[in-house]
Amino acid sequence: MVHVRIQNANIEPVFFAYKDNAEINAIVEKTVAGPSEYKFTDENNFGHEFWVIDDDAVVARITELFTTQVPAFYVADGHHRTAAAARVCEEKKAHNPGHTGKEEYNYFMAVCFPESHLKIIDYNRVVKDLNGLGKEQFLSALEEDFTVIPSAAKESPAPTGLHNFSMYLDGKWYSLTAKAGRYDDSDPIGVLDVTILSKLVLDRILGIKDLRTDKRIDFVGGIRGLGELERRVDSGEMAVAFALYPVSMKQLTDIADTGNIMPPKTTWFEPKLRSGLAIHSLD
């Protein structure tokens, strides 16, 4: 909020997802078939292109489609930016006796992607220590709730599906599969793998109660690969790493549609737009 207030602008869009609409997709596909207005490739070799739609009739139709046929936007990334924009709006409104509701501060910048254009990547965990347990004690504790199998794979093994985790400990990979009855399939939050791991491992065994504040845990976006988990453990910085199967778009929308909130550090979305490429001034 302070950043938005001082800059008097949004410099990074909130990231919205929405359920596909065939006509909107067709308009976008037709637009991007032509030349772009702006093209930029960053140091990580990610490309960004901008196309401008300036036909008033097309703009009006897009507005109508979003208003009448897209029931909801899902905040994929940017809950805090959304809240910050709303708070700055209230501040400016309170100091503007001529407020009309049409000022630029009543709006914030967002980018909207149809769900078919998005990929949710895993968001993994690394932990500094085993909470006073030895390796064998830790593995034994895991076997109460998981089927634990040492991996014979030469390459880093990714989780094979929901409720299956890959764990890296003491130079070796293990497959952990949650046993039946350890989670509730009817609970949209409880059935998430991040919830299962948090309750049965991070909390029960490792004593990590709050993912937001505990300094013993860190999070690694799946875009960095499982090799990054190995590196963090092999260096001695961390004691154990857990790779999770990515959350599905259906899980995300089900949670939002039932009025729930995703646990922290659950989803890593791609594509992500570079901050500062588009700026919305609040004046």
C-alpha atoms as a PDB file:
ATOM      1  CA  MET A   1       0.000   0.000   0.000  1.00  0.00           C
ATOM      2  CA  VAL A   2       2.821   2.395   0.875  1.00  0.00           C
ATOM      3  CA  HIS A   3       4.510   1.584  -2.427  1.00  0.00           C
ATOM      4  CA  VAL A   4       1.349   2.322  -4.433  1.00  0.00           C
ATOM      5  CA  ARG A   5       0.740   5.507  -2.422  1.00  0.00           C
ATOM      6  CA  ILE A   6       4.259   6.873  -2.957  1.00  0.00           C
ATOM      7  CA  GLN A   7       4.502   5.877  -6.629  1.00  0.00           C
ATOM      8  CA  ASN A   8       0.901   7.022  -7.185  1.00  0.00           C
ATOM      9  CA  ALA A   9       0.625   4.185  -9.668  1.00  0.00           C
ATOM     10  CA  ASN A  10       0.214   0.457 -10.142  1.00  0.00           C
ATOM     11  CA  ILE A  11       3.408  -0.837 -11.720  1.00  0.00           C
ATOM     12  CA  GLU A  12       2.531  -4.546 -11.634  1.00  0.00           C
ATOM     13  CA  PRO A  13      -0.816  -5.978 -12.695  1.00  0.00           C
ATOM     14  CA  VAL A  14      -2.958  -8.197 -10.520  1.00  0.00           C
ATOM     15  CA  PHE A  15      -3.124 -11.625 -12.167  1.00  0.00           C
ATOM     16  CA  PHE A  16      -6.698 -12.808 -12.852  1.00  0.00           C
ATOM     17  CA  ALA A  17      -7.814 -16.118 -14.319  1.00  0.00           C
ATOM     18  CA  TYR A  18     -11.249 -16.760 -15.775  1.00  0.00           C
ATOM     19  CA  LYS A  19     -13.102 -19.686 -17.289  1.00  0.00           C
ATOM     20  CA  ASP A  20     -12.705 -19.805 -21.066  1.00  0.00           C
ATOM     21  CA  ASN A  21     -15.081 -17.945 -23.352  1.00  0.00           C
ATOM     22  CA  ALA A  22     -14.901 -19.010 -26.998  1.00  0.00           C
ATOM     23  CA  GLU A  23     -15.697 -15.587 -28.462  1.00  0.00           C
ATOM     24  CA  ILE A  24     -13.149 -13.763 -26.298  1.00  0.00           C
ATOM     25  CA  ASN A  25     -10.544 -16.366 -27.255  1.00  0.00           C
ATOM     26  CA  ALA A  26     -11.366 -15.840 -30.946  1.00  0.00           C
ATOM     27  CA  ILE A  27     -10.973 -12.046 -30.640  1.00  0.00           C
ATOM     28  CA  VAL A  28      -7.586 -12.497 -28.939  1.00  0.00           C
ATOM     29  CA  GLU A  29      -6.400 -15.035 -31.522  1.00  0.00           C
ATOM     30  CA  LYS A  30      -7.363 -12.712 -34.385  1.00  0.00           C
ATOM     31  CA  THR A  31      -5.605  -9.781 -32.703  1.00  0.00           C
ATOM     32  CA  VAL A  32      -2.327 -11.552 -32.017  1.00  0.00           C
ATOM     33  CA  ALA A  33      -2.175 -12.819 -35.599  1.00  0.00           C
ATOM     34  CA  GLY A  34      -1.179  -9.266 -36.539  1.00  0.00           C
ATOM     35  CA  PRO A  35       1.937  -7.277 -35.616  1.00  0.00           C
ATOM     36  CA  SER A  36       2.467  -6.372 -31.976  1.00  0.00           C
ATOM     37  CA  GLU A  37       2.832  -2.826 -30.701  1.00  0.00           C
ATOM     38  CA  TYR A  38       5.646  -3.684 -28.306  1.00  0.00           C
ATOM     39  CA  LYS A  39       8.028  -6.596 -27.879  1.00  0.00           C
ATOM     40  CA  PHE A  40      10.440  -7.250 -25.028  1.00  0.00           C
ATOM     41  CA  THR A  41      12.595 -10.199 -23.932  1.00  0.00           C
ATOM     42  CA  ASP A  42      14.023 -10.176 -20.409  1.00  0.00           C
ATOM     43  CA  GLU A  43      17.324 -11.533 -19.089  1.00  0.00           C
ATOM     44  CA  ASN A  44      15.699 -14.912 -18.403  1.00  0.00           C
ATOM     45  CA  ASN A  45      14.704 -15.114 -22.074  1.00  0.00           C
ATOM     46  CA  PHE A  46      10.998 -14.703 -21.333  1.00  0.00           C
ATOM     47  CA  GLY A  47       9.258 -12.827 -24.111  1.00  0.00           C
ATOM     48  CA  HIS A  48       6.511 -10.220 -23.663  1.00  0.00           C
ATOM     49  CA  GLU A  49       4.409  -8.764 -26.479  1.00  0.00           C
ATOM     50  CA  PHE A  50       1.637  -6.172 -26.411  1.00  0.00           C
ATOM     51  CA  TRP A  51      -1.157  -5.788 -28.949  1.00  0.00           C
ATOM     52  CA  VAL A  52      -3.528  -2.821 -28.855  1.00  0.00           C
ATOM     53  CA  ILE A  53      -7.245  -3.155 -29.613  1.00  0.00           C
ATOM     54  CA  ASP A  54      -8.476   0.315 -30.560  1.00  0.00           C
ATOM     55  CA  ASP A  55     -11.610  -0.546 -32.533  1.00  0.00           C
ATOM     56  CA  ASP A  56     -14.447   0.873 -30.413  1.00  0.00           C
ATOM     57  CA  ALA A  57     -16.887  -1.792 -31.550  1.00  0.00           C
ATOM     58  CA  VAL A  58     -14.515  -4.615 -30.583  1.00  0.00           C
ATOM     59  CA  VAL A  59     -13.775  -2.957 -27.228  1.00  0.00           C
ATOM     60  CA  ALA A  60     -17.515  -2.669 -26.577  1.00  0.00           C
ATOM     61  CA  ARG A  61     -18.057  -6.328 -27.450  1.00  0.00           C
ATOM     62  CA  ILE A  62     -15.210  -7.470 -25.190  1.00  0.00           C
ATOM     63  CA  THR A  63     -16.687  -5.390 -22.371  1.00  0.00           C
ATOM     64  CA  GLU A  64     -20.120  -6.918 -22.962  1.00  0.00           C
ATOM     65  CA  LEU A  65     -18.742 -10.467 -23.012  1.00  0.00           C
ATOM     66  CA  PHE A  66     -16.854 -10.019 -19.751  1.00  0.00           C
ATOM     67  CA  THR A  67     -19.847  -8.334 -18.140  1.00  0.00           C
ATOM     68  CA  THR A  68     -22.495 -10.859 -19.202  1.00  0.00           C
ATOM     69  CA  GLN A  69     -20.734 -14.156 -19.871  1.00  0.00           C
ATOM     70  CA  VAL A  70     -17.753 -14.339 -17.499  1.00  0.00           C
ATOM     71  CA  PRO A  71     -19.224 -14.918 -14.025  1.00  0.00           C
ATOM     72  CA  ALA A  72     -16.049 -14.379 -11.988  1.00  0.00           C
ATOM     73  CA  PHE A  73     -12.362 -13.571 -11.996  1.00  0.00           C
ATOM     74  CA  TYR A  74     -10.080 -15.706  -9.838  1.00  0.00           C
ATOM     75  CA  VAL A  75      -7.098 -13.953  -8.269  1.00  0.00           C
ATOM     76  CA  ALA A  76      -4.211 -16.180  -9.275  1.00  0.00           C
ATOM     77  CA  ASP A  77      -1.534 -13.795  -8.024  1.00  0.00           C
ATOM     78  CA  GLY A  78      -1.962 -10.403  -6.401  1.00  0.00           C
ATOM     79  CA  HIS A  79      -4.308 -10.597  -3.417  1.00  0.00           C
ATOM     80  CA  HIS A  80      -2.151  -8.068  -1.565  1.00  0.00           C
ATOM     81  CA  ARG A  81      -1.903  -5.746  -4.573  1.00  0.00           C
ATOM     82  CA  THR A  82      -5.700  -5.839  -4.862  1.00  0.00           C
ATOM     83  CA  ALA A  83      -6.152  -4.944  -1.197  1.00  0.00           C
ATOM     84  CA  ALA A  84      -3.481  -2.219  -1.434  1.00  0.00           C
ATOM     85  CA  ALA A  85      -5.241  -0.649  -4.421  1.00  0.00           C
ATOM     86  CA  ALA A  86      -8.539  -0.601  -2.525  1.00  0.00           C
ATOM     87  CA  ARG A  87      -6.944   1.026   0.532  1.00  0.00           C
ATOM     88  CA  VAL A  88      -5.189   3.727  -1.502  1.00  0.00           C
ATOM     89  CA  CYS A  89      -8.486   4.382  -3.268  1.00  0.00           C
ATOM     90  CA  GLU A  90     -10.193   4.942   0.080  1.00  0.00           C
ATOM     91  CA  GLU A  91      -7.423   7.326   1.161  1.00  0.00           C
ATOM     92  CA  LYS A  92      -7.684   9.386  -2.013  1.00  0.00           C
ATOM     93  CA  LYS A  93     -11.471   9.361  -1.875  1.00  0.00           C
ATOM     94  CA  ALA A  94     -11.406  10.713   1.699  1.00  0.00           C
ATOM     95  CA  HIS A  95      -9.137  13.603   0.638  1.00  0.00           C
ATOM     96  CA  ASN A  96     -11.095  14.498  -2.489  1.00  0.00           C
ATOM     97  CA  PRO A  97     -14.263  16.487  -1.708  1.00  0.00           C
ATOM     98  CA  GLY A  98     -15.181  16.381  -5.383  1.00  0.00           C
ATOM     99  CA  HIS A  99     -14.985  12.587  -5.642  1.00  0.00           C
ATOM    100  CA  THR A 100     -17.149  11.239  -8.470  1.00  0.00           C
ATOM    101  CA  GLY A 101     -16.140   7.569  -8.674  1.00  0.00           C
ATOM    102  CA  LYS A 102     -14.630   8.014 -12.122  1.00  0.00           C
ATOM    103  CA  GLU A 103     -11.113   9.028 -11.016  1.00  0.00           C
ATOM    104  CA  GLU A 104      -8.237   6.756 -12.002  1.00  0.00           C
ATOM    105  CA  TYR A 105      -7.642   5.799  -8.367  1.00  0.00           C
ATOM    106  CA  ASN A 106     -10.970   3.952  -8.458  1.00  0.00           C
ATOM    107  CA  TYR A 107      -9.328   1.386 -10.758  1.00  0.00           C
ATOM    108  CA  PHE A 108      -6.280  -0.832 -10.628  1.00  0.00           C
ATOM    109  CA  MET A 109      -4.296  -2.627 -13.298  1.00  0.00           C
ATOM    110  CA  ALA A 110      -4.979  -6.282 -13.978  1.00  0.00           C
ATOM    111  CA  VAL A 111      -4.121  -8.893 -16.579  1.00  0.00           C
ATOM    112  CA  CYS A 112      -6.736 -11.551 -17.340  1.00  0.00           C
ATOM    113  CA  PHE A 113      -5.918 -14.989 -18.727  1.00  0.00           C
ATOM    114  CA  PRO A 114      -8.376 -17.747 -19.681  1.00  0.00           C
ATOM    115  CA  GLU A 115      -7.675 -20.864 -17.645  1.00  0.00           C
ATOM    116  CA  SER A 116      -6.660 -22.858 -20.747  1.00  0.00           C
ATOM    117  CA  HIS A 117      -3.753 -20.442 -21.311  1.00  0.00           C
ATOM    118  CA  LEU A 118      -2.335 -20.934 -17.820  1.00  0.00           C
ATOM    119  CA  LYS A 119      -0.078 -23.510 -16.275  1.00  0.00           C
ATOM    120  CA  ILE A 120       0.047 -24.027 -12.523  1.00  0.00           C
ATOM    121  CA  ILE A 121       3.501 -25.188 -11.485  1.00  0.00           C
ATOM    122  CA  ASP A 122       4.322 -26.915  -8.217  1.00  0.00           C
ATOM    123  CA  TYR A 123       5.357 -24.844  -5.208  1.00  0.00           C
ATOM    124  CA  ASN A 124       7.801 -26.857  -3.121  1.00  0.00           C
ATOM    125  CA  ARG A 125       9.098 -26.766   0.447  1.00  0.00           C
ATOM    126  CA  VAL A 126      12.542 -27.000   2.079  1.00  0.00           C
ATOM    127  CA  VAL A 127      13.069 -27.279   5.851  1.00  0.00           C
ATOM    128  CA  LYS A 128      16.213 -26.416   7.831  1.00  0.00           C
ATOM    129  CA  ASP A 129      16.179 -29.303  10.344  1.00  0.00           C
ATOM    130  CA  LEU A 130      14.351 -32.482  11.388  1.00  0.00           C
ATOM    131  CA  ASN A 131      13.096 -31.048  14.687  1.00  0.00           C
ATOM    132  CA  GLY A 132      15.643 -32.993  16.741  1.00  0.00           C
ATOM    133  CA  LEU A 133      14.968 -36.335  15.028  1.00  0.00           C
ATOM    134  CA  GLY A 134      17.538 -38.584  13.433  1.00  0.00           C
ATOM    135  CA  LYS A 135      17.084 -39.722   9.843  1.00  0.00           C
ATOM    136  CA  GLU A 136      15.672 -43.155  10.759  1.00  0.00           C
ATOM    137  CA  GLN A 137      13.393 -41.667  13.429  1.00  0.00           C
ATOM    138  CA  PHE A 138      12.057 -39.199  10.884  1.00  0.00           C
ATOM    139  CA  LEU A 139      11.414 -41.901   8.278  1.00  0.00           C
ATOM    140  CA  SER A 140       9.681 -44.034  10.900  1.00  0.00           C
ATOM    141  CA  ALA A 141       7.424 -41.122  11.872  1.00  0.00           C
ATOM    142  CA  LEU A 142       6.509 -40.581   8.219  1.00  0.00           C
ATOM    143  CA  GLU A 143       5.419 -44.218   7.847  1.00  0.00           C
ATOM    144  CA  GLU A 144       2.507 -43.646  10.223  1.00  0.00           C
ATOM    145  CA  ASP A 145       0.680 -41.626   7.554  1.00  0.00           C
ATOM    146  CA  PHE A 146       2.540 -42.356   4.308  1.00  0.00           C
ATOM    147  CA  THR A 147       3.774 -45.246   2.252  1.00  0.00           C
ATOM    148  CA  VAL A 148       7.487 -44.443   2.052  1.00  0.00           C
ATOM    149  CA  ILE A 149       9.496 -45.948  -0.823  1.00  0.00           C
ATOM    150  CA  PRO A 150      13.147 -45.121  -1.612  1.00  0.00           C
ATOM    151  CA  SER A 151      13.485 -44.024  -5.233  1.00  0.00           C
ATOM    152  CA  ALA A 152      15.605 -46.057  -7.633  1.00  0.00           C
ATOM    153  CA  ALA A 153      15.406 -43.403 -10.343  1.00  0.00           C
ATOM    154  CA  LYS A 154      18.684 -41.933 -11.559  1.00  0.00           C
ATOM    155  CA  GLU A 155      17.060 -38.557 -12.224  1.00  0.00           C
ATOM    156  CA  SER A 156      15.139 -36.451  -9.732  1.00  0.00           C
ATOM    157  CA  PRO A 157      11.674 -38.071  -9.543  1.00  0.00           C
ATOM    158  CA  ALA A 158       8.670 -35.740  -9.695  1.00  0.00           C
ATOM    159  CA  PRO A 159       5.455 -36.641  -7.837  1.00  0.00           C
ATOM    160  CA  THR A 160       3.260 -38.919  -9.940  1.00  0.00           C
ATOM    161  CA  GLY A 161      -0.146 -37.545  -8.946  1.00  0.00           C
ATOM    162  CA  LEU A 162      -2.254 -36.032  -6.203  1.00  0.00           C
ATOM    163  CA  HIS A 163      -1.336 -37.123  -2.652  1.00  0.00           C
ATOM    164  CA  ASN A 164       2.065 -38.357  -3.818  1.00  0.00           C
ATOM    165  CA  PHE A 165       5.140 -36.386  -2.717  1.00  0.00           C
ATOM    166  CA  SER A 166       8.814 -36.601  -3.595  1.00  0.00           C
ATOM    167  CA  MET A 167      11.160 -36.096  -0.640  1.00  0.00           C
ATOM    168  CA  TYR A 168      14.906 -35.460  -0.760  1.00  0.00           C
ATOM    169  CA  LEU A 169      16.786 -36.409   2.409  1.00  0.00           C
ATOM    170  CA  ASP A 170      20.479 -37.119   3.016  1.00  0.00           C
ATOM    171  CA  GLY A 171      21.327 -37.381  -0.683  1.00  0.00           C
ATOM    172  CA  LYS A 172      18.440 -39.689  -1.573  1.00  0.00           C
ATOM    173  CA  TRP A 173      14.957 -39.303  -3.044  1.00  0.00           C
ATOM    174  CA  TYR A 174      11.887 -40.993  -1.557  1.00  0.00           C
ATOM    175  CA  SER A 175       8.299 -41.361  -2.733  1.00  0.00           C
ATOM    176  CA  LEU A 176       5.661 -40.549  -0.079  1.00  0.00           C
ATOM    177  CA  THR A 177       2.037 -41.508  -0.736  1.00  0.00           C
ATOM    178  CA  ALA A 178      -0.578 -40.438   1.789  1.00  0.00           C
ATOM    179  CA  LYS A 179      -2.497 -43.411   3.176  1.00  0.00           C
ATOM    180  CA  ALA A 180      -6.266 -43.663   2.773  1.00  0.00           C
ATOM    181  CA  GLY A 181      -8.230 -41.960   5.527  1.00  0.00           C
ATOM    182  CA  ARG A 182      -5.551 -39.366   6.225  1.00  0.00           C
ATOM    183  CA  TYR A 183      -7.429 -36.632   4.297  1.00  0.00           C
ATOM    184  CA  ASP A 184     -11.017 -35.668   3.519  1.00  0.00           C
ATOM    185  CA  ASP A 185     -11.938 -35.771  -0.177  1.00  0.00           C
ATOM    186  CA  SER A 186     -15.099 -33.766   0.514  1.00  0.00           C
ATOM    187  CA  ASP A 187     -13.145 -30.833   1.996  1.00  0.00           C
ATOM    188  CA  PRO A 188     -11.790 -28.585  -0.809  1.00  0.00           C
ATOM    189  CA  ILE A 189      -9.017 -27.292   1.490  1.00  0.00           C
ATOM    190  CA  GLY A 190      -8.299 -30.518   3.370  1.00  0.00           C
ATOM    191  CA  VAL A 191      -7.814 -32.525   0.185  1.00  0.00           C
ATOM    192  CA  LEU A 192      -5.041 -30.233  -1.082  1.00  0.00           C
ATOM    193  CA  ASP A 193      -1.563 -31.717  -0.969  1.00  0.00           C
ATOM    194  CA  VAL A 194      -0.208 -28.569   0.704  1.00  0.00           C
ATOM    195  CA  THR A 195      -2.705 -29.148   3.533  1.00  0.00           C
ATOM    196  CA  ILE A 196      -1.858 -32.852   3.828  1.00  0.00           C
ATOM    197  CA  LEU A 197       1.876 -32.109   3.969  1.00  0.00           C
ATOM    198  CA  SER A 198       1.386 -29.247   6.438  1.00  0.00           C
ATOM    199  CA  LYS A 199      -0.744 -31.263   8.865  1.00  0.00           C
ATOM    200  CA  LEU A 200       0.928 -34.661   8.702  1.00  0.00           C
ATOM    201  CA  VAL A 201       4.592 -33.672   8.260  1.00  0.00           C
ATOM    202  CA  LEU A 202       5.394 -30.003   8.785  1.00  0.00           C
ATOM    203  CA  ASP A 203       3.186 -29.619  11.867  1.00  0.00           C
ATOM    204  CA  ARG A 204       2.938 -33.097  13.421  1.00  0.00           C
ATOM    205  CA  ILE A 205       6.540 -34.202  12.908  1.00  0.00           C
ATOM    206  CA  LEU A 206       8.616 -31.087  12.267  1.00  0.00           C
ATOM    207  CA  GLY A 207       6.776 -28.692  14.591  1.00  0.00           C
ATOM    208  CA  ILE A 208       6.159 -25.974  11.974  1.00  0.00           C
ATOM    209  CA  LYS A 209       2.858 -24.371  12.964  1.00  0.00           C
ATOM    210  CA  ASP A 210       2.723 -21.231  10.814  1.00  0.00           C
ATOM    211  CA  LEU A 211       4.056 -21.298   7.263  1.00  0.00           C
ATOM    212  CA  ARG A 212       3.982 -17.505   7.069  1.00  0.00           C
ATOM    213  CA  THR A 213       6.212 -16.788  10.046  1.00  0.00           C
ATOM    214  CA  ASP A 214       8.356 -19.856  10.798  1.00  0.00           C
ATOM    215  CA  LYS A 215      11.952 -19.185   9.727  1.00  0.00           C
ATOM    216  CA  ARG A 216      12.779 -22.910   9.482  1.00  0.00           C
ATOM    217  CA  ILE A 217      10.852 -23.333   6.218  1.00  0.00           C
ATOM    218  CA  ASP A 218      11.346 -21.840   2.780  1.00  0.00           C
ATOM    219  CA  PHE A 219       9.495 -22.169  -0.514  1.00  0.00           C
ATOM    220  CA  VAL A 220      10.875 -22.932  -3.966  1.00  0.00           C
ATOM    221  CA  GLY A 221       8.886 -22.282  -7.134  1.00  0.00           C
ATOM    222  CA  GLY A 222       8.692 -25.350  -9.336  1.00  0.00           C
ATOM    223  CA  ILE A 223       9.971 -23.374 -12.319  1.00  0.00           C
ATOM    224  CA  ARG A 224      13.439 -23.700 -10.720  1.00  0.00           C
ATOM    225  CA  GLY A 225      13.293 -27.501 -10.985  1.00  0.00           C
ATOM    226  CA  LEU A 226      13.897 -30.315  -8.532  1.00  0.00           C
ATOM    227  CA  GLY A 227      17.642 -29.777  -8.886  1.00  0.00           C
ATOM    228  CA  GLU A 228      17.238 -26.617  -6.809  1.00  0.00           C
ATOM    229  CA  LEU A 229      15.789 -28.722  -3.963  1.00  0.00           C
ATOM    230  CA  GLU A 230      18.785 -31.055  -4.142  1.00  0.00           C
ATOM    231  CA  ARG A 231      21.170 -28.096  -4.123  1.00  0.00           C
ATOM    232  CA  ARG A 232      19.578 -26.527  -1.037  1.00  0.00           C
ATOM    233  CA  VAL A 233      19.832 -29.798   0.905  1.00  0.00           C
ATOM    234  CA  ASP A 234      23.244 -30.933  -0.366  1.00  0.00           C
ATOM    235  CA  SER A 235      24.731 -27.545   0.581  1.00  0.00           C
ATOM    236  CA  GLY A 236      23.759 -28.139   4.209  1.00  0.00           C
ATOM    237  CA  GLU A 237      21.505 -25.077   4.219  1.00  0.00           C
ATOM    238  CA  MET A 238      18.418 -27.307   4.480  1.00  0.00           C
ATOM    239  CA  ALA A 239      17.875 -30.784   5.913  1.00  0.00           C
ATOM    240  CA  VAL A 240      14.956 -32.031   3.817  1.00  0.00           C
ATOM    241  CA  ALA A 241      12.978 -30.998   0.740  1.00  0.00           C
ATOM    242  CA  PHE A 242       9.469 -31.879  -0.433  1.00  0.00           C
ATOM    243  CA  ALA A 243       8.232 -31.666  -4.014  1.00  0.00           C
ATOM    244  CA  LEU A 244       4.456 -31.434  -4.498  1.00  0.00           C
ATOM    245  CA  TYR A 245       2.162 -32.286  -7.383  1.00  0.00           C
ATOM    246  CA  PRO A 246       0.767 -29.065  -8.925  1.00  0.00           C
ATOM    247  CA  VAL A 247      -2.677 -27.855  -7.887  1.00  0.00           C
ATOM    248  CA  SER A 248      -5.261 -28.078 -10.689  1.00  0.00           C
ATOM    249  CA  MET A 249      -7.306 -25.141 -11.956  1.00  0.00           C
ATOM    250  CA  LYS A 250     -10.429 -27.064 -10.871  1.00  0.00           C
ATOM    251  CA  GLN A 251      -9.143 -27.273  -7.300  1.00  0.00           C
ATOM    252  CA  LEU A 252      -8.444 -23.542  -7.305  1.00  0.00           C
ATOM    253  CA  THR A 253     -11.851 -22.558  -8.715  1.00  0.00           C
ATOM    254  CA  ASP A 254     -13.684 -25.012  -6.425  1.00  0.00           C
ATOM    255  CA  ILE A 255     -12.038 -23.423  -3.388  1.00  0.00           C
ATOM    256  CA  ALA A 256     -12.896 -19.897  -4.522  1.00  0.00           C
ATOM    257  CA  ASP A 257     -16.466 -20.831  -5.511  1.00  0.00           C
ATOM    258  CA  THR A 258     -17.106 -22.279  -2.043  1.00  0.00           C
ATOM    259  CA  GLY A 259     -15.905 -19.069  -0.384  1.00  0.00           C
ATOM    260  CA  ASN A 260     -12.615 -20.530   0.842  1.00  0.00           C
ATOM    261  CA  ILE A 261      -9.062 -19.195   0.505  1.00  0.00           C
ATOM    262  CA  MET A 262      -6.060 -21.103  -0.798  1.00  0.00           C
ATOM    263  CA  PRO A 263      -3.365 -21.850   1.802  1.00  0.00           C
ATOM    264  CA  PRO A 264      -0.178 -19.745   1.470  1.00  0.00           C
ATOM    265  CA  LYS A 265       2.445 -20.662  -1.135  1.00  0.00           C
ATOM    266  CA  THR A 266       0.188 -23.125  -2.943  1.00  0.00           C
ATOM    267  CA  THR A 267       0.365 -22.138  -6.607  1.00  0.00           C
ATOM    268  CA  TRP A 268       3.054 -20.871  -8.929  1.00  0.00           C
ATOM    269  CA  PHE A 269       1.479 -19.592 -12.140  1.00  0.00           C
ATOM    270  CA  GLU A 270       3.038 -19.131 -15.525  1.00  0.00           C
ATOM    271  CA  PRO A 271       3.108 -16.938 -17.520  1.00  0.00           C
ATOM    272  CA  LYS A 272       4.021 -14.017 -15.278  1.00  0.00           C
ATOM    273  CA  LEU A 273       4.280 -10.486 -16.618  1.00  0.00           C
ATOM    274  CA  ARG A 274       7.351  -8.412 -15.932  1.00  0.00           C
ATOM    275  CA  SER A 275       6.737  -5.572 -13.467  1.00  0.00           C
ATOM    276  CA  GLY A 276       6.918  -2.098 -14.979  1.00  0.00           C
ATOM    277  CA  LEU A 277       6.161  -3.018 -18.595  1.00  0.00           C
ATOM    278  CA  ALA A 278       2.722  -1.441 -18.203  1.00  0.00           C
ATOM    279  CA  ILE A 279       2.000   1.267 -15.622  1.00  0.00           C
ATOM    280  CA  HIS A 280      -1.335   2.664 -14.468  1.00  0.00           C
ATOM    281  CA  SER A 281      -1.112   6.180 -13.037  1.00  0.00           C
ATOM    282  CA  LEU A 282      -3.632   6.979 -10.323  1.00  0.00           C
ATOM    283  CA  ASP A 283      -3.981  10.581 -11.579  1.00  0.00           C
END
